[in-house]
Amino acid sequence: MEVIKLRDEYIKLGQALKAAGYVDSGVDAKLVIQDGLVKVNGQTETQRGKKLHAGDEVEYKDQLIKIEK
């Protein structure tokens, strides 16, 4: 599990995937999100710009990202 510490109030989903090292670029993030391969708090998410706040969890390929303050 990767933990991302927030510097601001939120981080966008595509940025979180890149920060965790799960994708190499914003284009890759866009594609996996649009293909429905990413879940936020257990729900499939298709918006790359989805704002993630402290306590949110992202799942991609059986890997977890936890967002913390």
PDB file of N, CA and C in Angstrom:
ATOM      1  N   MET A   1       0.846  -1.181   0.000  1.00  0.00           N
ATOM      2  CA  MET A   1       0.000   0.000   0.000  1.00  0.00           C
ATOM      3  C   MET A   1       0.892   1.245   0.000  1.00  0.00           C
ATOM      4  N   GLU A   2       0.534   2.183  -0.853  1.00  0.00           N
ATOM      5  CA  GLU A   2       1.213   3.475  -0.910  1.00  0.00           C
ATOM      6  C   GLU A   2       0.416   4.484  -0.084  1.00  0.00           C
ATOM      7  N   VAL A   3       1.117   5.370   0.593  1.00  0.00           N
ATOM      8  CA  VAL A   3       0.468   6.449   1.335  1.00  0.00           C
ATOM      9  C   VAL A   3       0.917   7.759   0.719  1.00  0.00           C
ATOM     10  N   ILE A   4      -0.049   8.600   0.386  1.00  0.00           N
ATOM     11  CA  ILE A   4       0.255   9.930  -0.154  1.00  0.00           C
ATOM     12  C   ILE A   4      -0.182  10.958   0.884  1.00  0.00           C
ATOM     13  N   LYS A   5       0.772  11.774   1.303  1.00  0.00           N
ATOM     14  CA  LYS A   5       0.493  12.843   2.259  1.00  0.00           C
ATOM     15  C   LYS A   5       0.107  14.097   1.475  1.00  0.00           C
ATOM     16  N   LEU A   6      -1.015  14.661   1.828  1.00  0.00           N
ATOM     17  CA  LEU A   6      -1.499  15.860   1.138  1.00  0.00           C
ATOM     18  C   LEU A   6      -0.691  17.091   1.542  1.00  0.00           C
ATOM     19  N   ARG A   7      -0.310  17.873   0.553  1.00  0.00           N
ATOM     20  CA  ARG A   7       0.321  19.176   0.809  1.00  0.00           C
ATOM     21  C   ARG A   7      -0.751  20.259   0.821  1.00  0.00           C
ATOM     22  N   ASP A   8      -1.785  20.031   0.028  1.00  0.00           N
ATOM     23  CA  ASP A   8      -2.904  20.967  -0.071  1.00  0.00           C
ATOM     24  C   ASP A   8      -4.154  20.271   0.459  1.00  0.00           C
ATOM     25  N   GLU A   9      -5.298  20.830   0.136  1.00  0.00           N
ATOM     26  CA  GLU A   9      -6.567  20.271   0.602  1.00  0.00           C
ATOM     27  C   GLU A   9      -6.904  18.962  -0.102  1.00  0.00           C
ATOM     28  N   TYR A  10      -6.441  18.805  -1.354  1.00  0.00           N
ATOM     29  CA  TYR A  10      -6.758  17.606  -2.126  1.00  0.00           C
ATOM     30  C   TYR A  10      -5.666  17.327  -3.151  1.00  0.00           C
ATOM     31  N   ILE A  11      -5.739  16.139  -3.760  1.00  0.00           N
ATOM     32  CA  ILE A  11      -4.905  15.779  -4.901  1.00  0.00           C
ATOM     33  C   ILE A  11      -5.840  15.152  -5.930  1.00  0.00           C
ATOM     34  N   LYS A  12      -5.574  15.386  -7.193  1.00  0.00           N
ATOM     35  CA  LYS A  12      -6.419  14.811  -8.236  1.00  0.00           C
ATOM     36  C   LYS A  12      -6.036  13.353  -8.468  1.00  0.00           C
ATOM     37  N   LEU A  13      -6.999  12.580  -8.896  1.00  0.00           N
ATOM     38  CA  LEU A  13      -6.819  11.146  -9.074  1.00  0.00           C
ATOM     39  C   LEU A  13      -5.639  10.810  -9.984  1.00  0.00           C
ATOM     40  N   GLY A  14      -5.558  11.448 -11.134  1.00  0.00           N
ATOM     41  CA  GLY A  14      -4.456  11.187 -12.060  1.00  0.00           C
ATOM     42  C   GLY A  14      -3.103  11.484 -11.429  1.00  0.00           C
ATOM     43  N   GLN A  15      -3.025  12.564 -10.649  1.00  0.00           N
ATOM     44  CA  GLN A  15      -1.786  12.930  -9.975  1.00  0.00           C
ATOM     45  C   GLN A  15      -1.419  11.897  -8.917  1.00  0.00           C
ATOM     46  N   ALA A  16      -2.419  11.370  -8.230  1.00  0.00           N
ATOM     47  CA  ALA A  16      -2.170  10.364  -7.188  1.00  0.00           C
ATOM     48  C   ALA A  16      -1.604   9.085  -7.797  1.00  0.00           C
ATOM     49  N   LEU A  17      -2.145   8.668  -8.934  1.00  0.00           N
ATOM     50  CA  LEU A  17      -1.636   7.463  -9.596  1.00  0.00           C
ATOM     51  C   LEU A  17      -0.177   7.655 -10.022  1.00  0.00           C
ATOM     52  N   LYS A  18       0.137   8.847 -10.514  1.00  0.00           N
ATOM     53  CA  LYS A  18       1.520   9.144 -10.911  1.00  0.00           C
ATOM     54  C   LYS A  18       2.426   9.210  -9.688  1.00  0.00           C
ATOM     55  N   ALA A  19       1.985   9.875  -8.634  1.00  0.00           N
ATOM     56  CA  ALA A  19       2.798  10.029  -7.425  1.00  0.00           C
ATOM     57  C   ALA A  19       3.112   8.679  -6.778  1.00  0.00           C
ATOM     58  N   ALA A  20       2.177   7.749  -6.876  1.00  0.00           N
ATOM     59  CA  ALA A  20       2.382   6.419  -6.303  1.00  0.00           C
ATOM     60  C   ALA A  20       3.257   5.540  -7.197  1.00  0.00           C
ATOM     61  N   GLY A  21       3.504   6.000  -8.415  1.00  0.00           N
ATOM     62  CA  GLY A  21       4.324   5.234  -9.352  1.00  0.00           C
ATOM     63  C   GLY A  21       3.569   4.135 -10.071  1.00  0.00           C
ATOM     64  N   TYR A  22       2.242   4.179 -10.049  1.00  0.00           N
ATOM     65  CA  TYR A  22       1.420   3.152 -10.699  1.00  0.00           C
ATOM     66  C   TYR A  22       1.289   3.382 -12.194  1.00  0.00           C
ATOM     67  N   VAL A  23       1.478   4.628 -12.639  1.00  0.00           N
ATOM     68  CA  VAL A  23       1.490   4.957 -14.071  1.00  0.00           C
ATOM     69  C   VAL A  23       2.682   5.874 -14.320  1.00  0.00           C
ATOM     70  N   ASP A  24       3.125   5.925 -15.566  1.00  0.00           N
ATOM     71  CA  ASP A  24       4.305   6.715 -15.903  1.00  0.00           C
ATOM     72  C   ASP A  24       3.993   8.156 -16.283  1.00  0.00           C
ATOM     73  N   SER A  25       2.771   8.398 -16.763  1.00  0.00           N
ATOM     74  CA  SER A  25       2.456   9.744 -17.241  1.00  0.00           C
ATOM     75  C   SER A  25       0.982  10.056 -17.044  1.00  0.00           C
ATOM     76  N   GLY A  26       0.655  11.328 -17.264  1.00  0.00           N
ATOM     77  CA  GLY A  26      -0.744  11.741 -17.183  1.00  0.00           C
ATOM     78  C   GLY A  26      -1.592  11.066 -18.242  1.00  0.00           C
ATOM     79  N   VAL A  27      -1.000  10.810 -19.397  1.00  0.00           N
ATOM     80  CA  VAL A  27      -1.724  10.128 -20.476  1.00  0.00           C
ATOM     81  C   VAL A  27      -2.067   8.700 -20.041  1.00  0.00           C
ATOM     82  N   ASP A  28      -1.095   8.015 -19.441  1.00  0.00           N
ATOM     83  CA  ASP A  28      -1.355   6.656 -18.946  1.00  0.00           C
ATOM     84  C   ASP A  28      -2.451   6.670 -17.881  1.00  0.00           C
ATOM     85  N   ALA A  29      -2.394   7.647 -16.987  1.00  0.00           N
ATOM     86  CA  ALA A  29      -3.409   7.771 -15.936  1.00  0.00           C
ATOM     87  C   ALA A  29      -4.787   7.963 -16.563  1.00  0.00           C
ATOM     88  N   LYS A  30      -4.860   8.840 -17.545  1.00  0.00           N
ATOM     89  CA  LYS A  30      -6.127   9.117 -18.221  1.00  0.00           C
ATOM     90  C   LYS A  30      -6.710   7.838 -18.824  1.00  0.00           C
ATOM     91  N   LEU A  31      -5.864   7.054 -19.467  1.00  0.00           N
ATOM     92  CA  LEU A  31      -6.338   5.839 -20.131  1.00  0.00           C
ATOM     93  C   LEU A  31      -6.845   4.789 -19.145  1.00  0.00           C
ATOM     94  N   VAL A  32      -6.101   4.536 -18.079  1.00  0.00           N
ATOM     95  CA  VAL A  32      -6.554   3.502 -17.134  1.00  0.00           C
ATOM     96  C   VAL A  32      -7.806   3.946 -16.391  1.00  0.00           C
ATOM     97  N   ILE A  33      -7.922   5.256 -16.133  1.00  0.00           N
ATOM     98  CA  ILE A  33      -9.128   5.767 -15.467  1.00  0.00           C
ATOM     99  C   ILE A  33     -10.322   5.676 -16.405  1.00  0.00           C
ATOM    100  N   GLN A  34     -10.167   6.106 -17.653  1.00  0.00           N
ATOM    101  CA  GLN A  34     -11.264   6.044 -18.626  1.00  0.00           C
ATOM    102  C   GLN A  34     -11.704   4.613 -18.896  1.00  0.00           C
ATOM    103  N   ASP A  35     -10.768   3.662 -18.801  1.00  0.00           N
ATOM    104  CA  ASP A  35     -11.098   2.256 -19.041  1.00  0.00           C
ATOM    105  C   ASP A  35     -11.787   1.600 -17.849  1.00  0.00           C
ATOM    106  N   GLY A  36     -12.002   2.375 -16.775  1.00  0.00           N
ATOM    107  CA  GLY A  36     -12.716   1.852 -15.615  1.00  0.00           C
ATOM    108  C   GLY A  36     -11.884   0.914 -14.757  1.00  0.00           C
ATOM    109  N   LEU A  37     -10.571   1.072 -14.785  1.00  0.00           N
ATOM    110  CA  LEU A  37      -9.686   0.179 -14.035  1.00  0.00           C
ATOM    111  C   LEU A  37      -9.337   0.700 -12.639  1.00  0.00           C
ATOM    112  N   VAL A  38      -9.849   1.885 -12.285  1.00  0.00           N
ATOM    113  CA  VAL A  38      -9.499   2.517 -11.013  1.00  0.00           C
ATOM    114  C   VAL A  38     -10.757   2.678 -10.159  1.00  0.00           C
ATOM    115  N   LYS A  39     -10.620   2.351  -8.877  1.00  0.00           N
ATOM    116  CA  LYS A  39     -11.730   2.538  -7.933  1.00  0.00           C
ATOM    117  C   LYS A  39     -11.313   3.533  -6.865  1.00  0.00           C
ATOM    118  N   VAL A  40     -12.263   4.383  -6.479  1.00  0.00           N
ATOM    119  CA  VAL A  40     -12.068   5.316  -5.377  1.00  0.00           C
ATOM    120  C   VAL A  40     -13.110   4.967  -4.322  1.00  0.00           C
ATOM    121  N   ASN A  41     -12.627   4.627  -3.143  1.00  0.00           N
ATOM    122  CA  ASN A  41     -13.511   4.225  -2.034  1.00  0.00           C
ATOM    123  C   ASN A  41     -14.489   3.130  -2.473  1.00  0.00           C
ATOM    124  N   GLY A  42     -13.983   2.179  -3.267  1.00  0.00           N
ATOM    125  CA  GLY A  42     -14.777   1.028  -3.674  1.00  0.00           C
ATOM    126  C   GLY A  42     -15.659   1.225  -4.892  1.00  0.00           C
ATOM    127  N   GLN A  43     -15.706   2.438  -5.434  1.00  0.00           N
ATOM    128  CA  GLN A  43     -16.548   2.744  -6.591  1.00  0.00           C
ATOM    129  C   GLN A  43     -15.668   3.023  -7.820  1.00  0.00           C
ATOM    130  N   THR A  44     -16.019   2.440  -8.949  1.00  0.00           N
ATOM    131  CA  THR A  44     -15.275   2.715 -10.181  1.00  0.00           C
ATOM    132  C   THR A  44     -15.364   4.200 -10.502  1.00  0.00           C
ATOM    133  N   GLU A  45     -14.213   4.801 -10.790  1.00  0.00           N
ATOM    134  CA  GLU A  45     -14.149   6.240 -11.073  1.00  0.00           C
ATOM    135  C   GLU A  45     -13.589   6.461 -12.474  1.00  0.00           C
ATOM    136  N   THR A  46     -14.273   7.298 -13.252  1.00  0.00           N
ATOM    137  CA  THR A  46     -13.835   7.554 -14.629  1.00  0.00           C
ATOM    138  C   THR A  46     -13.409   9.003 -14.856  1.00  0.00           C
ATOM    139  N   GLN A  47     -13.347   9.805 -13.802  1.00  0.00           N
ATOM    140  CA  GLN A  47     -12.928  11.203 -13.931  1.00  0.00           C
ATOM    141  C   GLN A  47     -11.489  11.359 -13.442  1.00  0.00           C
ATOM    142  N   ARG A  48     -10.597  11.696 -14.351  1.00  0.00           N
ATOM    143  CA  ARG A  48      -9.181  11.858 -13.997  1.00  0.00           C
ATOM    144  C   ARG A  48      -8.992  12.987 -12.985  1.00  0.00           C
ATOM    145  N   GLY A  49      -9.834  13.997 -13.067  1.00  0.00           N
ATOM    146  CA  GLY A  49      -9.716  15.160 -12.188  1.00  0.00           C
ATOM    147  C   GLY A  49     -10.434  15.021 -10.861  1.00  0.00           C
ATOM    148  N   LYS A  50     -10.935  13.835 -10.550  1.00  0.00           N
ATOM    149  CA  LYS A  50     -11.624  13.596  -9.278  1.00  0.00           C
ATOM    150  C   LYS A  50     -10.723  14.036  -8.127  1.00  0.00           C
ATOM    151  N   LYS A  51     -11.262  14.872  -7.235  1.00  0.00           N
ATOM    152  CA  LYS A  51     -10.483  15.370  -6.110  1.00  0.00           C
ATOM    153  C   LYS A  51     -10.500  14.346  -4.983  1.00  0.00           C
ATOM    154  N   LEU A  52      -9.308  14.007  -4.507  1.00  0.00           N
ATOM    155  CA  LEU A  52      -9.168  13.068  -3.409  1.00  0.00           C
ATOM    156  C   LEU A  52      -8.774  13.834  -2.151  1.00  0.00           C
ATOM    157  N   HIS A  53      -9.430  13.501  -1.059  1.00  0.00           N
ATOM    158  CA  HIS A  53      -9.173  14.162   0.215  1.00  0.00           C
ATOM    159  C   HIS A  53      -8.662  13.139   1.224  1.00  0.00           C
ATOM    160  N   ALA A  54      -8.199  13.623   2.377  1.00  0.00           N
ATOM    161  CA  ALA A  54      -7.702  12.741   3.430  1.00  0.00           C
ATOM    162  C   ALA A  54      -8.762  11.686   3.758  1.00  0.00           C
ATOM    163  N   GLY A  55      -8.321  10.431   3.845  1.00  0.00           N
ATOM    164  CA  GLY A  55      -9.226   9.327   4.157  1.00  0.00           C
ATOM    165  C   GLY A  55      -9.674   8.552   2.932  1.00  0.00           C
ATOM    166  N   ASP A  56      -9.496   9.114   1.740  1.00  0.00           N
ATOM    167  CA  ASP A  56      -9.881   8.410   0.515  1.00  0.00           C
ATOM    168  C   ASP A  56      -8.891   7.289   0.224  1.00  0.00           C
ATOM    169  N   GLU A  57      -9.399   6.241  -0.434  1.00  0.00           N
ATOM    170  CA  GLU A  57      -8.563   5.127  -0.844  1.00  0.00           C
ATOM    171  C   GLU A  57      -8.766   4.860  -2.328  1.00  0.00           C
ATOM    172  N   VAL A  58      -7.668   4.644  -3.033  1.00  0.00           N
ATOM    173  CA  VAL A  58      -7.691   4.377  -4.467  1.00  0.00           C
ATOM    174  C   VAL A  58      -7.171   2.967  -4.693  1.00  0.00           C
ATOM    175  N   GLU A  59      -7.875   2.207  -5.540  1.00  0.00           N
ATOM    176  CA  GLU A  59      -7.450   0.847  -5.862  1.00  0.00           C
ATOM    177  C   GLU A  59      -7.194   0.745  -7.360  1.00  0.00           C
ATOM    178  N   TYR A  60      -6.033   0.167  -7.697  1.00  0.00           N
ATOM    179  CA  TYR A  60      -5.668  -0.045  -9.093  1.00  0.00           C
ATOM    180  C   TYR A  60      -4.815  -1.300  -9.167  1.00  0.00           C
ATOM    181  N   LYS A  61      -5.256  -2.277  -9.965  1.00  0.00           N
ATOM    182  CA  LYS A  61      -4.522  -3.540 -10.134  1.00  0.00           C
ATOM    183  C   LYS A  61      -4.171  -4.183  -8.798  1.00  0.00           C
ATOM    184  N   ASP A  62      -5.149  -4.305  -7.922  1.00  0.00           N
ATOM    185  CA  ASP A  62      -4.972  -4.916  -6.595  1.00  0.00           C
ATOM    186  C   ASP A  62      -3.949  -4.195  -5.722  1.00  0.00           C
ATOM    187  N   GLN A  63      -3.652  -2.950  -6.048  1.00  0.00           N
ATOM    188  CA  GLN A  63      -2.764  -2.135  -5.227  1.00  0.00           C
ATOM    189  C   GLN A  63      -3.589  -0.994  -4.648  1.00  0.00           C
ATOM    190  N   LEU A  64      -3.199  -0.537  -3.470  1.00  0.00           N
ATOM    191  CA  LEU A  64      -3.985   0.470  -2.753  1.00  0.00           C
ATOM    192  C   LEU A  64      -3.157   1.723  -2.507  1.00  0.00           C
ATOM    193  N   ILE A  65      -3.809   2.869  -2.693  1.00  0.00           N
ATOM    194  CA  ILE A  65      -3.230   4.162  -2.327  1.00  0.00           C
ATOM    195  C   ILE A  65      -4.131   4.747  -1.258  1.00  0.00           C
ATOM    196  N   LYS A  66      -3.549   5.137  -0.143  1.00  0.00           N
ATOM    197  CA  LYS A  66      -4.309   5.790   0.922  1.00  0.00           C
ATOM    198  C   LYS A  66      -3.892   7.251   0.966  1.00  0.00           C
ATOM    199  N   ILE A  67      -4.881   8.134   1.016  1.00  0.00           N
ATOM    200  CA  ILE A  67      -4.629   9.569   1.056  1.00  0.00           C
ATOM    201  C   ILE A  67      -4.710  10.030   2.518  1.00  0.00           C
ATOM    202  N   GLU A  68      -3.641  10.687   2.973  1.00  0.00           N
ATOM    203  CA  GLU A  68      -3.590  11.163   4.362  1.00  0.00           C
ATOM    204  C   GLU A  68      -3.237  12.636   4.416  1.00  0.00           C
ATOM    205  N   LYS A  69      -3.629  13.261   5.489  1.00  0.00           N
ATOM    206  CA  LYS A  69      -3.343  14.686   5.717  1.00  0.00           C
ATOM    207  C   LYS A  69      -1.908  14.844   6.129  1.00  0.00           C
TER     208      LYS A  69
END
